[in-house]
Amino acid sequence: MKNFFKSLGRLFMDSDGNASSKRFVGILCGVSLCATLCLNSYSHGDIKPSDTLVNAVAMLAFGCLGLTSTEKIFGKKDKNQESN
C-alpha cells in the first residue's frame, strides 16, 4: 500500500523528479471532466454544464498533458548528450 501511494506521487512529477504543475492541472481537469460527465448522465437534460465550459476544460486538460509529453520528447538535452 505504501508503494502504491509513492507511485501516485510520482504521477505529478516530471522526468527530473520535480513537481509538474502542468501534469497536476491536466490530471485534475481530466478527472473533474470525467466526474462531471458521469454524474450528468444520471441527471435531467435541463441540469447540465454548458458545452462551451466542457470544451474549455477538455482543451485545457489535453493542452496541459500534451505540453508535458512534448517537453519530454523535444525537451532540452543535457550537455553530455549534445557533445556525443
Protein backbone atom coordinates (compact mmCIF):
# COMPACT_ATOMS: atom_id res chain seq x y z
CA MET A 1 0.00 0.00 0.00
CA LYS A 2 2.88 2.33 0.80
CA ASN A 3 4.42 1.74 -2.63
CA PHE A 4 1.08 2.47 -4.27
CA PHE A 5 0.91 5.94 -2.73
CA LYS A 6 4.54 6.61 -3.66
CA SER A 7 3.77 5.75 -7.27
CA LEU A 8 0.77 8.12 -7.20
CA GLY A 9 3.07 10.89 -6.02
CA ARG A 10 5.40 10.24 -8.96
CA LEU A 11 2.48 10.74 -11.31
CA PHE A 12 2.68 14.51 -10.74
CA MET A 13 6.47 14.74 -11.23
CA ASP A 14 8.45 15.28 -14.39
CA SER A 15 11.37 13.11 -15.50
CA ASP A 16 13.80 15.09 -13.30
CA GLY A 17 11.74 14.44 -10.16
CA ASN A 18 10.40 18.00 -9.86
CA ALA A 19 6.74 18.71 -9.28
CA SER A 20 4.98 19.49 -12.56
CA SER A 21 2.10 21.95 -12.42
CA LYS A 22 1.07 21.09 -15.99
CA ARG A 23 0.60 17.44 -15.08
CA PHE A 24 -1.31 18.35 -11.94
CA VAL A 25 -3.67 20.72 -13.77
CA GLY A 26 -4.11 18.31 -16.68
CA ILE A 27 -4.95 15.35 -14.49
CA LEU A 28 -7.21 17.47 -12.25
CA CYS A 29 -9.11 18.76 -15.31
CA GLY A 30 -9.42 15.26 -16.75
CA VAL A 31 -10.73 13.77 -13.52
CA SER A 32 -13.17 16.62 -12.92
CA LEU A 33 -14.41 16.41 -16.51
CA CYS A 34 -14.98 12.65 -16.25
CA ALA A 35 -16.73 13.01 -12.90
CA THR A 36 -18.94 15.82 -14.16
CA LEU A 37 -19.94 13.96 -17.31
CA CYS A 38 -20.62 10.71 -15.42
CA LEU A 39 -22.74 12.47 -12.81
CA ASN A 40 -24.51 14.43 -15.53
CA SER A 41 -25.56 11.24 -17.29
CA TYR A 42 -27.84 10.46 -14.32
CA SER A 43 -29.49 13.90 -14.18
CA HIS A 44 -32.11 15.62 -16.30
CA GLY A 45 -31.19 17.34 -19.54
CA ASP A 46 -32.01 20.79 -18.21
CA ILE A 47 -29.35 20.45 -15.48
CA LYS A 48 -26.15 20.18 -17.48
CA PRO A 49 -22.93 22.13 -17.86
CA SER A 50 -22.66 24.35 -20.91
CA ASP A 51 -21.00 22.87 -23.97
CA THR A 52 -18.50 25.72 -24.04
CA LEU A 53 -17.41 25.00 -20.48
CA VAL A 54 -17.00 21.29 -21.17
CA ASN A 55 -14.96 22.01 -24.31
CA ALA A 56 -12.79 24.53 -22.46
CA VAL A 57 -11.97 22.10 -19.65
CA ALA A 58 -11.27 19.33 -22.17
CA MET A 59 -8.94 21.57 -24.18
CA LEU A 60 -7.14 22.65 -21.00
CA ALA A 61 -6.63 19.04 -19.95
CA PHE A 62 -5.43 17.93 -23.37
CA GLY A 63 -3.23 21.00 -23.70
CA CYS A 64 -1.54 20.56 -20.33
CA LEU A 65 -0.92 16.86 -20.80
CA GLY A 66 0.15 17.41 -24.41
CA LEU A 67 2.69 20.06 -23.40
CA THR A 68 4.11 17.71 -20.81
CA SER A 69 4.59 14.95 -23.38
CA THR A 70 6.13 17.27 -25.99
CA GLU A 71 8.56 18.61 -23.40
CA LYS A 72 9.55 15.05 -22.65
CA ILE A 73 10.13 14.29 -26.33
CA PHE A 74 11.64 17.58 -27.53
CA GLY A 75 12.99 18.90 -24.22
CA LYS A 76 16.44 20.28 -23.57
CA LYS A 77 19.22 17.79 -23.87
CA ASP A 78 21.99 17.55 -21.33
CA LYS A 79 25.39 18.96 -22.25
CA ASN A 80 26.78 15.43 -22.13
CA GLN A 81 24.26 14.27 -24.74
CA GLU A 82 24.94 17.25 -27.03
CA SER A 83 28.67 16.59 -27.16
CA ASN A 84 28.15 12.95 -28.18
